[in-house]
């Protein structure tokens, strides 16, 4: 028996699927990919997001897909992206849920994308 099952049994409650609160954030783009270079530890940091964005940008422009950067305000901007590093986690959840996919380091945004079954 898992710990959560034990707690539910002793308190008389039911286990339900977890959820993430979303907060609407207006975006002009219809099709976009979320990208984030935020990472908690230096070992999880990827230094080549600018190169990745440079190489996929021609394909994305041809298909009218934009790149939106989310993350911490202290993150350096990635070339060819629109910078939305000022979003709180609930707004970022809304943006990720409505995106085509998520690209980034292992952080809270990768967990949010996983919750919404986004391609990563």
Protein backbone atom coordinates (compact mmCIF):
# COMPACT_ATOMS: atom_id res chain seq x y z
CA UNK A 1 0.00 0.00 0.00
CA UNK A 2 1.32 3.44 -0.95
CA UNK A 3 1.57 6.18 1.62
CA UNK A 4 -1.18 8.23 -0.08
CA UNK A 5 -3.49 5.20 -0.05
CA UNK A 6 -2.84 4.76 3.65
CA UNK A 7 -3.65 8.43 4.35
CA UNK A 8 -6.82 8.22 2.27
CA UNK A 9 -7.96 5.06 4.04
CA UNK A 10 -7.38 6.49 7.52
CA UNK A 11 -9.03 9.85 6.74
CA UNK A 12 -11.96 8.46 4.76
CA UNK A 13 -11.15 10.51 1.65
CA UNK A 14 -10.83 9.46 -1.98
CA UNK A 15 -7.76 9.73 -4.19
CA UNK A 16 -8.33 11.74 -7.33
CA UNK A 17 -6.18 12.79 -10.23
CA UNK A 18 -3.93 15.76 -9.36
CA UNK A 19 -4.61 19.05 -11.09
CA UNK A 20 -2.78 22.27 -11.81
CA UNK A 21 -4.43 25.65 -11.44
CA UNK A 22 -4.18 27.68 -14.62
CA UNK A 23 -4.50 31.42 -14.99
CA UNK A 24 -5.49 32.84 -18.36
CA UNK A 25 -2.80 34.82 -20.16
CA UNK A 26 -3.63 36.44 -23.52
CA UNK A 27 -1.38 35.41 -26.41
CA UNK A 28 -1.54 36.55 -30.02
CA UNK A 29 0.11 33.41 -31.38
CA UNK A 30 -2.07 30.49 -32.39
CA UNK A 31 0.70 27.93 -32.82
CA UNK A 32 3.74 28.09 -30.59
CA UNK A 33 6.34 26.02 -28.79
CA UNK A 34 7.37 26.78 -25.21
CA UNK A 35 11.08 26.80 -24.48
CA UNK A 36 12.80 27.29 -21.12
CA UNK A 37 16.45 27.39 -20.13
CA UNK A 38 15.75 27.63 -16.39
CA UNK A 39 17.44 25.03 -14.23
CA UNK A 40 17.98 24.66 -10.53
CA UNK A 41 21.39 23.01 -10.71
CA UNK A 42 24.35 23.71 -13.04
CA UNK A 43 24.50 20.01 -13.97
CA UNK A 44 21.00 20.28 -15.48
CA UNK A 45 21.85 23.37 -17.55
CA UNK A 46 21.92 23.14 -21.37
CA UNK A 47 24.02 25.85 -23.06
CA UNK A 48 22.95 25.47 -26.69
CA UNK A 49 19.32 26.63 -26.83
CA UNK A 50 20.39 29.52 -29.08
CA UNK A 51 21.84 27.04 -31.58
CA UNK A 52 18.74 24.86 -31.43
CA UNK A 53 16.49 27.87 -32.04
CA UNK A 54 18.71 29.01 -34.93
CA UNK A 55 18.52 25.64 -36.70
CA UNK A 56 14.79 25.01 -36.29
CA UNK A 57 13.68 28.59 -36.96
CA UNK A 58 13.40 28.25 -40.80
CA UNK A 59 11.09 25.24 -40.43
CA UNK A 60 9.02 27.01 -37.77
CA UNK A 61 8.65 30.18 -39.85
CA UNK A 62 7.53 28.13 -42.85
CA UNK A 63 4.78 26.57 -40.72
CA UNK A 64 3.89 29.79 -38.88
CA UNK A 65 4.99 28.44 -35.48
CA UNK A 66 6.50 30.80 -32.90
CA UNK A 67 8.92 30.13 -30.05
CA UNK A 68 7.93 31.46 -26.63
CA UNK A 69 10.49 31.53 -23.84
CA UNK A 70 9.22 31.03 -20.30
CA UNK A 71 11.23 30.82 -17.11
CA UNK A 72 12.90 32.91 -14.46
CA UNK A 73 13.30 36.65 -14.92
CA UNK A 74 17.06 36.22 -14.55
CA UNK A 75 17.32 33.88 -17.57
CA UNK A 76 19.13 35.29 -20.57
CA UNK A 77 16.91 35.60 -23.65
CA UNK A 78 17.11 32.95 -26.37
CA UNK A 79 17.44 34.19 -29.94
CA UNK A 80 14.33 33.92 -32.17
CA UNK A 81 12.01 33.69 -29.17
CA UNK A 82 9.42 35.96 -27.62
CA UNK A 83 10.40 36.49 -24.01
CA UNK A 84 7.70 35.72 -21.43
CA UNK A 85 9.99 35.26 -18.43
CA UNK A 86 7.68 37.38 -16.29
CA UNK A 87 4.85 34.82 -16.05
CA UNK A 88 3.92 33.26 -12.74
CA UNK A 89 3.56 29.46 -12.55
CA UNK A 90 -0.23 29.49 -13.08
CA UNK A 91 0.07 31.65 -16.19
CA UNK A 92 2.92 29.46 -17.43
CA UNK A 93 0.69 26.40 -16.93
CA UNK A 94 -1.96 28.00 -19.18
CA UNK A 95 0.63 28.86 -21.83
CA UNK A 96 2.16 25.37 -21.75
CA UNK A 97 -1.25 23.67 -21.91
CA UNK A 98 -2.11 25.54 -25.11
CA UNK A 99 1.29 25.06 -26.76
CA UNK A 100 2.29 22.47 -29.34
CA UNK A 101 5.17 21.17 -27.24
CA UNK A 102 7.68 22.03 -24.51
CA UNK A 103 11.46 22.16 -24.90
CA UNK A 104 13.67 22.75 -21.90
CA UNK A 105 15.63 21.63 -18.90
CA UNK A 106 14.26 19.53 -16.08
CA UNK A 107 12.31 22.10 -14.05
CA UNK A 108 8.77 22.89 -12.93
CA UNK A 109 7.75 23.62 -16.52
CA UNK A 110 8.75 20.12 -17.65
CA UNK A 111 6.56 18.71 -14.88
CA UNK A 112 3.65 20.92 -15.97
CA UNK A 113 4.11 19.83 -19.59
CA UNK A 114 4.16 16.21 -18.49
CA UNK A 115 0.92 16.71 -16.56
CA UNK A 116 -0.77 18.03 -19.73
CA UNK A 117 0.75 15.22 -21.87
CA UNK A 118 2.64 17.65 -24.07
CA UNK A 119 5.38 16.47 -26.39
CA UNK A 120 8.75 17.22 -24.87
